[in-house]
Amino acid sequence: MKYLIAGLGNIGAEYKNTRHNIGFQILDALAGASNIVFNDKRYGFVGEYKFKARTFILLKPTTYMNLSGKAVSYWLQKEEIPLENLLVLVDDLALPFGTLRLKAKGGAGGHNGLENINQVLGRNDYARLRFGIGDNFHKGFQVDYVLGEWTVEEKKELPAKIDNCIEIIQSFGTIGVERTMNFYNKK
């Protein structure tokens, strides 16, 4: 069984530790814990993770957030991965910091990366793991907040939250999206 795990973010040092790059950060943590190397390939940095007889293609798109659909579509086709085996990792302003929500499908919720994936794929019935970044910003400063770095307090809590995300990825691949949602969305 093959799965595509697409962690959304923006390439470049200026974005590395920003809230918007949580998808990259989750995949980097998974790769680091498993000695996985990302290779610069078409439309993204790609690594391969093996877990319980499953193969997870880890994708960090290099198309920038707003064009993520191009990379996701390409790697789904190249690896012949069915849509039900796609999991997209994204930041979410509507959720308090560190809140994790796995969804089997849904709208973009104002997220440009998800919006582009929905547009390119022509559908929205794929799994996504939303990582809450909170909405602690003044009106008109949303972009600065999303592209800002984590606070000192958030940085302390990030490792445990990212570990939870890795567990959700593994669970998604082994017991499926519905059972994983039932277990993790209640926490």
C-alpha atoms as a PDB file:
ATOM      1  CA  MET A   1       0.000   0.000   0.000  1.00  0.00           C
ATOM      2  CA  LYS A   2       1.246   3.457  -0.947  1.00  0.00           C
ATOM      3  CA  TYR A   3       0.310   6.806   0.583  1.00  0.00           C
ATOM      4  CA  LEU A   4       1.131  10.391  -0.314  1.00  0.00           C
ATOM      5  CA  ILE A   5       1.695  12.653   2.675  1.00  0.00           C
ATOM      6  CA  ALA A   6       1.927  16.258   1.463  1.00  0.00           C
ATOM      7  CA  GLY A   7       3.168  18.745   4.042  1.00  0.00           C
ATOM      8  CA  LEU A   8       2.407  22.247   2.837  1.00  0.00           C
ATOM      9  CA  GLY A   9       4.777  25.156   3.247  1.00  0.00           C
ATOM     10  CA  ASN A  10       6.942  27.637   1.388  1.00  0.00           C
ATOM     11  CA  ILE A  11      10.529  27.072   0.338  1.00  0.00           C
ATOM     12  CA  GLY A  12      13.260  29.448   1.436  1.00  0.00           C
ATOM     13  CA  ALA A  13      15.101  30.207   4.670  1.00  0.00           C
ATOM     14  CA  GLU A  14      12.808  33.163   5.454  1.00  0.00           C
ATOM     15  CA  TYR A  15       9.831  30.773   5.802  1.00  0.00           C
ATOM     16  CA  LYS A  16      11.579  27.885   7.593  1.00  0.00           C
ATOM     17  CA  ASN A  17      10.246  28.373  11.139  1.00  0.00           C
ATOM     18  CA  THR A  18       6.969  30.116  10.345  1.00  0.00           C
ATOM     19  CA  ARG A  19       3.481  28.974  11.312  1.00  0.00           C
ATOM     20  CA  HIS A  20       2.547  28.559   7.641  1.00  0.00           C
ATOM     21  CA  ASN A  21       5.307  25.935   7.251  1.00  0.00           C
ATOM     22  CA  ILE A  22       4.011  23.487   9.852  1.00  0.00           C
ATOM     23  CA  GLY A  23       3.472  20.894   7.091  1.00  0.00           C
ATOM     24  CA  PHE A  24       7.189  21.003   6.243  1.00  0.00           C
ATOM     25  CA  GLN A  25       8.101  20.925   9.946  1.00  0.00           C
ATOM     26  CA  ILE A  26       6.037  17.778  10.576  1.00  0.00           C
ATOM     27  CA  LEU A  27       7.627  15.944   7.640  1.00  0.00           C
ATOM     28  CA  ASP A  28      11.116  17.125   8.636  1.00  0.00           C
ATOM     29  CA  ALA A  29      10.558  15.700  12.142  1.00  0.00           C
ATOM     30  CA  LEU A  30       9.309  12.390  10.736  1.00  0.00           C
ATOM     31  CA  ALA A  31      12.258  12.204   8.355  1.00  0.00           C
ATOM     32  CA  GLY A  32      14.752  13.084  11.095  1.00  0.00           C
ATOM     33  CA  ALA A  33      13.404  10.422  13.445  1.00  0.00           C
ATOM     34  CA  SER A  34      13.595   7.797  10.687  1.00  0.00           C
ATOM     35  CA  ASN A  35      16.848   8.787   8.927  1.00  0.00           C
ATOM     36  CA  ILE A  36      14.968   9.691   5.753  1.00  0.00           C
ATOM     37  CA  VAL A  37      16.610  11.990   3.244  1.00  0.00           C
ATOM     38  CA  PHE A  38      14.568  14.333   1.062  1.00  0.00           C
ATOM     39  CA  ASN A  39      15.635  14.532  -2.574  1.00  0.00           C
ATOM     40  CA  ASP A  40      14.985  17.545  -4.780  1.00  0.00           C
ATOM     41  CA  LYS A  41      12.659  16.156  -7.445  1.00  0.00           C
ATOM     42  CA  ARG A  42      10.003  17.508  -9.759  1.00  0.00           C
ATOM     43  CA  TYR A  43       7.735  19.988  -7.937  1.00  0.00           C
ATOM     44  CA  GLY A  44       9.039  19.062  -4.496  1.00  0.00           C
ATOM     45  CA  PHE A  45      11.403  17.570  -1.993  1.00  0.00           C
ATOM     46  CA  VAL A  46      10.487  13.895  -1.761  1.00  0.00           C
ATOM     47  CA  GLY A  47      11.349  11.163   0.717  1.00  0.00           C
ATOM     48  CA  GLU A  48      10.137   7.625   1.272  1.00  0.00           C
ATOM     49  CA  TYR A  49       9.065   6.305   4.673  1.00  0.00           C
ATOM     50  CA  LYS A  50       8.298   2.638   5.354  1.00  0.00           C
ATOM     51  CA  PHE A  51       6.006   1.716   8.240  1.00  0.00           C
ATOM     52  CA  LYS A  52       4.191  -1.586   8.890  1.00  0.00           C
ATOM     53  CA  ALA A  53       4.430  -2.816   5.271  1.00  0.00           C
ATOM     54  CA  ARG A  54       3.218   0.539   3.943  1.00  0.00           C
ATOM     55  CA  THR A  55       5.129   3.035   1.838  1.00  0.00           C
ATOM     56  CA  PHE A  56       4.599   6.718   2.539  1.00  0.00           C
ATOM     57  CA  ILE A  57       5.787   9.157  -0.110  1.00  0.00           C
ATOM     58  CA  LEU A  58       6.598  12.327   1.834  1.00  0.00           C
ATOM     59  CA  LEU A  59       6.207  15.478  -0.255  1.00  0.00           C
ATOM     60  CA  LYS A  60       7.238  19.038   0.533  1.00  0.00           C
ATOM     61  CA  PRO A  61       6.080  20.980  -2.555  1.00  0.00           C
ATOM     62  CA  THR A  62       8.531  23.501  -4.019  1.00  0.00           C
ATOM     63  CA  THR A  63       5.729  25.238  -5.927  1.00  0.00           C
ATOM     64  CA  TYR A  64       5.009  27.613  -3.015  1.00  0.00           C
ATOM     65  CA  MET A  65       1.863  27.293  -0.959  1.00  0.00           C
ATOM     66  CA  ASN A  66      -0.563  28.847  -3.439  1.00  0.00           C
ATOM     67  CA  LEU A  67       0.354  26.355  -6.190  1.00  0.00           C
ATOM     68  CA  SER A  68       0.527  23.180  -4.073  1.00  0.00           C
ATOM     69  CA  GLY A  69      -2.042  21.409  -6.259  1.00  0.00           C
ATOM     70  CA  LYS A  70       0.440  21.050  -9.108  1.00  0.00           C
ATOM     71  CA  ALA A  71       2.872  19.083  -6.929  1.00  0.00           C
ATOM     72  CA  VAL A  72       0.190  16.981  -5.218  1.00  0.00           C
ATOM     73  CA  SER A  73      -1.464  16.054  -8.526  1.00  0.00           C
ATOM     74  CA  TYR A  74       1.863  15.183 -10.153  1.00  0.00           C
ATOM     75  CA  TRP A  75       3.006  12.874  -7.321  1.00  0.00           C
ATOM     76  CA  LEU A  76      -0.382  11.160  -6.988  1.00  0.00           C
ATOM     77  CA  GLN A  77      -0.176  10.274 -10.679  1.00  0.00           C
ATOM     78  CA  LYS A  78       3.536   9.447 -10.773  1.00  0.00           C
ATOM     79  CA  GLU A  79       3.318   7.075  -7.797  1.00  0.00           C
ATOM     80  CA  GLU A  80      -0.129   5.759  -8.829  1.00  0.00           C
ATOM     81  CA  ILE A  81      -1.596   6.584  -5.426  1.00  0.00           C
ATOM     82  CA  PRO A  82      -5.394   6.647  -5.116  1.00  0.00           C
ATOM     83  CA  LEU A  83      -6.962   9.836  -3.765  1.00  0.00           C
ATOM     84  CA  GLU A  84      -8.168   8.068  -0.619  1.00  0.00           C
ATOM     85  CA  ASN A  85      -4.483   7.512   0.273  1.00  0.00           C
ATOM     86  CA  LEU A  86      -3.644  11.239   0.190  1.00  0.00           C
ATOM     87  CA  LEU A  87      -3.132  13.163   3.430  1.00  0.00           C
ATOM     88  CA  VAL A  88      -2.381  16.910   3.320  1.00  0.00           C
ATOM     89  CA  LEU A  89      -0.821  18.621   6.365  1.00  0.00           C
ATOM     90  CA  VAL A  90      -1.764  22.304   6.786  1.00  0.00           C
ATOM     91  CA  ASP A  91      -1.893  25.176   9.260  1.00  0.00           C
ATOM     92  CA  ASP A  92      -5.299  26.426  10.394  1.00  0.00           C
ATOM     93  CA  LEU A  93      -6.091  29.870  11.830  1.00  0.00           C
ATOM     94  CA  ALA A  94      -9.563  28.779  12.957  1.00  0.00           C
ATOM     95  CA  LEU A  95      -8.191  26.275  15.480  1.00  0.00           C
ATOM     96  CA  PRO A  96      -6.452  27.205  18.749  1.00  0.00           C
ATOM     97  CA  PHE A  97      -2.693  26.608  18.783  1.00  0.00           C
ATOM     98  CA  GLY A  98      -1.780  22.926  18.811  1.00  0.00           C
ATOM     99  CA  THR A  99      -5.308  21.642  18.168  1.00  0.00           C
ATOM    100  CA  LEU A 100      -5.203  18.824  15.607  1.00  0.00           C
ATOM    101  CA  ARG A 101      -8.177  17.983  13.395  1.00  0.00           C
ATOM    102  CA  LEU A 102      -8.178  15.172  10.876  1.00  0.00           C
ATOM    103  CA  LYS A 103     -10.887  15.452   8.216  1.00  0.00           C
ATOM    104  CA  ALA A 104     -11.751  12.963   5.477  1.00  0.00           C
ATOM    105  CA  LYS A 105     -12.809  15.772   3.115  1.00  0.00           C
ATOM    106  CA  GLY A 106     -13.929  19.367   3.144  1.00  0.00           C
ATOM    107  CA  GLY A 107     -13.587  22.870   1.861  1.00  0.00           C
ATOM    108  CA  ALA A 108     -10.462  24.979   1.854  1.00  0.00           C
ATOM    109  CA  GLY A 109     -11.520  27.102   4.831  1.00  0.00           C
ATOM    110  CA  GLY A 110      -9.705  30.097   3.378  1.00  0.00           C
ATOM    111  CA  HIS A 111      -6.406  28.193   3.045  1.00  0.00           C
ATOM    112  CA  ASN A 112      -4.797  29.012  -0.314  1.00  0.00           C
ATOM    113  CA  GLY A 113      -2.850  25.745  -0.463  1.00  0.00           C
ATOM    114  CA  LEU A 114      -5.989  23.635   0.012  1.00  0.00           C
ATOM    115  CA  GLU A 115      -7.901  25.889  -2.390  1.00  0.00           C
ATOM    116  CA  ASN A 116      -5.328  25.228  -5.118  1.00  0.00           C
ATOM    117  CA  ILE A 117      -5.289  21.468  -4.458  1.00  0.00           C
ATOM    118  CA  ASN A 118      -9.114  21.391  -4.671  1.00  0.00           C
ATOM    119  CA  GLN A 119      -8.980  23.371  -7.919  1.00  0.00           C
ATOM    120  CA  VAL A 120      -6.286  21.236  -9.575  1.00  0.00           C
ATOM    121  CA  LEU A 121      -7.771  17.898  -8.465  1.00  0.00           C
ATOM    122  CA  GLY A 122     -11.313  19.075  -9.201  1.00  0.00           C
ATOM    123  CA  ARG A 123     -12.506  17.647  -5.892  1.00  0.00           C
ATOM    124  CA  ASN A 124     -12.078  17.951  -2.145  1.00  0.00           C
ATOM    125  CA  ASP A 125     -12.676  14.400  -0.924  1.00  0.00           C
ATOM    126  CA  TYR A 126      -9.163  13.734   0.373  1.00  0.00           C
ATOM    127  CA  ALA A 127      -7.890  13.671   3.954  1.00  0.00           C
ATOM    128  CA  ARG A 128      -6.288  16.674   5.573  1.00  0.00           C
ATOM    129  CA  LEU A 129      -4.724  17.156   8.970  1.00  0.00           C
ATOM    130  CA  ARG A 130      -5.253  20.703  10.187  1.00  0.00           C
ATOM    131  CA  PHE A 131      -2.745  21.997  12.744  1.00  0.00           C
ATOM    132  CA  GLY A 132      -4.180  24.870  14.772  1.00  0.00           C
ATOM    133  CA  ILE A 133      -2.008  27.974  14.826  1.00  0.00           C
ATOM    134  CA  GLY A 134      -4.587  30.194  16.546  1.00  0.00           C
ATOM    135  CA  ASP A 135      -5.676  33.662  15.519  1.00  0.00           C
ATOM    136  CA  ASN A 136      -3.772  35.867  17.951  1.00  0.00           C
ATOM    137  CA  PHE A 137      -3.341  38.859  15.645  1.00  0.00           C
ATOM    138  CA  HIS A 138      -4.886  42.293  15.144  1.00  0.00           C
ATOM    139  CA  LYS A 139      -7.203  42.966  12.213  1.00  0.00           C
ATOM    140  CA  GLY A 140      -5.223  43.451   9.015  1.00  0.00           C
ATOM    141  CA  PHE A 141      -2.156  41.537  10.276  1.00  0.00           C
ATOM    142  CA  GLN A 142      -3.150  37.992   9.287  1.00  0.00           C
ATOM    143  CA  VAL A 143      -0.346  37.606   6.722  1.00  0.00           C
ATOM    144  CA  ASP A 144       2.267  38.824   9.211  1.00  0.00           C
ATOM    145  CA  TYR A 145       0.956  36.360  11.798  1.00  0.00           C
ATOM    146  CA  VAL A 146       0.804  33.348   9.487  1.00  0.00           C
ATOM    147  CA  LEU A 147       4.256  34.079   8.065  1.00  0.00           C
ATOM    148  CA  GLY A 148       5.600  34.919  11.525  1.00  0.00           C
ATOM    149  CA  GLU A 149       7.702  32.630  13.678  1.00  0.00           C
ATOM    150  CA  TRP A 150       6.377  30.670  16.636  1.00  0.00           C
ATOM    151  CA  THR A 151       6.390  32.335  20.060  1.00  0.00           C
ATOM    152  CA  VAL A 152       8.730  31.041  22.772  1.00  0.00           C
ATOM    153  CA  GLU A 153       5.771  29.326  24.491  1.00  0.00           C
ATOM    154  CA  GLU A 154       4.609  27.701  21.231  1.00  0.00           C
ATOM    155  CA  LYS A 155       8.138  26.464  20.480  1.00  0.00           C
ATOM    156  CA  LYS A 156       8.147  24.619  23.820  1.00  0.00           C
ATOM    157  CA  GLU A 157       4.921  22.783  22.943  1.00  0.00           C
ATOM    158  CA  LEU A 158       5.668  22.108  19.259  1.00  0.00           C
ATOM    159  CA  PRO A 159       7.719  18.886  19.607  1.00  0.00           C
ATOM    160  CA  ALA A 160       4.918  17.028  21.435  1.00  0.00           C
ATOM    161  CA  LYS A 161       2.277  18.304  18.981  1.00  0.00           C
ATOM    162  CA  ILE A 162       4.437  17.286  16.012  1.00  0.00           C
ATOM    163  CA  ASP A 163       4.912  13.825  17.566  1.00  0.00           C
ATOM    164  CA  ASN A 164       1.093  13.550  17.718  1.00  0.00           C
ATOM    165  CA  CYS A 165       0.952  14.437  14.004  1.00  0.00           C
ATOM    166  CA  ILE A 166       3.419  11.653  13.207  1.00  0.00           C
ATOM    167  CA  GLU A 167       1.224   9.184  15.135  1.00  0.00           C
ATOM    168  CA  ILE A 168      -1.790  10.377  13.121  1.00  0.00           C
ATOM    169  CA  ILE A 169       0.096   9.870   9.829  1.00  0.00           C
ATOM    170  CA  GLN A 170       1.029   6.325  10.859  1.00  0.00           C
ATOM    171  CA  SER A 171      -2.527   5.611  12.011  1.00  0.00           C
ATOM    172  CA  PHE A 172      -3.989   7.027   8.781  1.00  0.00           C
ATOM    173  CA  GLY A 173      -1.899   4.530   6.814  1.00  0.00           C
ATOM    174  CA  THR A 174      -2.606   1.531   9.022  1.00  0.00           C
ATOM    175  CA  ILE A 175      -6.222   1.795  10.240  1.00  0.00           C
ATOM    176  CA  GLY A 176      -7.671   4.391   7.850  1.00  0.00           C
ATOM    177  CA  VAL A 177      -9.001   7.904   8.075  1.00  0.00           C
ATOM    178  CA  GLU A 178     -12.335   7.189   9.806  1.00  0.00           C
ATOM    179  CA  ARG A 179     -10.912   5.148  12.696  1.00  0.00           C
ATOM    180  CA  THR A 180      -8.018   7.593  13.064  1.00  0.00           C
ATOM    181  CA  MET A 181     -10.466  10.518  13.211  1.00  0.00           C
ATOM    182  CA  ASN A 182     -12.524   8.733  15.872  1.00  0.00           C
ATOM    183  CA  PHE A 183      -9.458   8.181  18.010  1.00  0.00           C
ATOM    184  CA  TYR A 184      -7.442  11.393  17.603  1.00  0.00           C
ATOM    185  CA  ASN A 185     -10.096  14.074  17.088  1.00  0.00           C
ATOM    186  CA  LYS A 186     -11.450  13.311  20.566  1.00  0.00           C
ATOM    187  CA  LYS A 187      -8.117  14.101  22.241  1.00  0.00           C
END
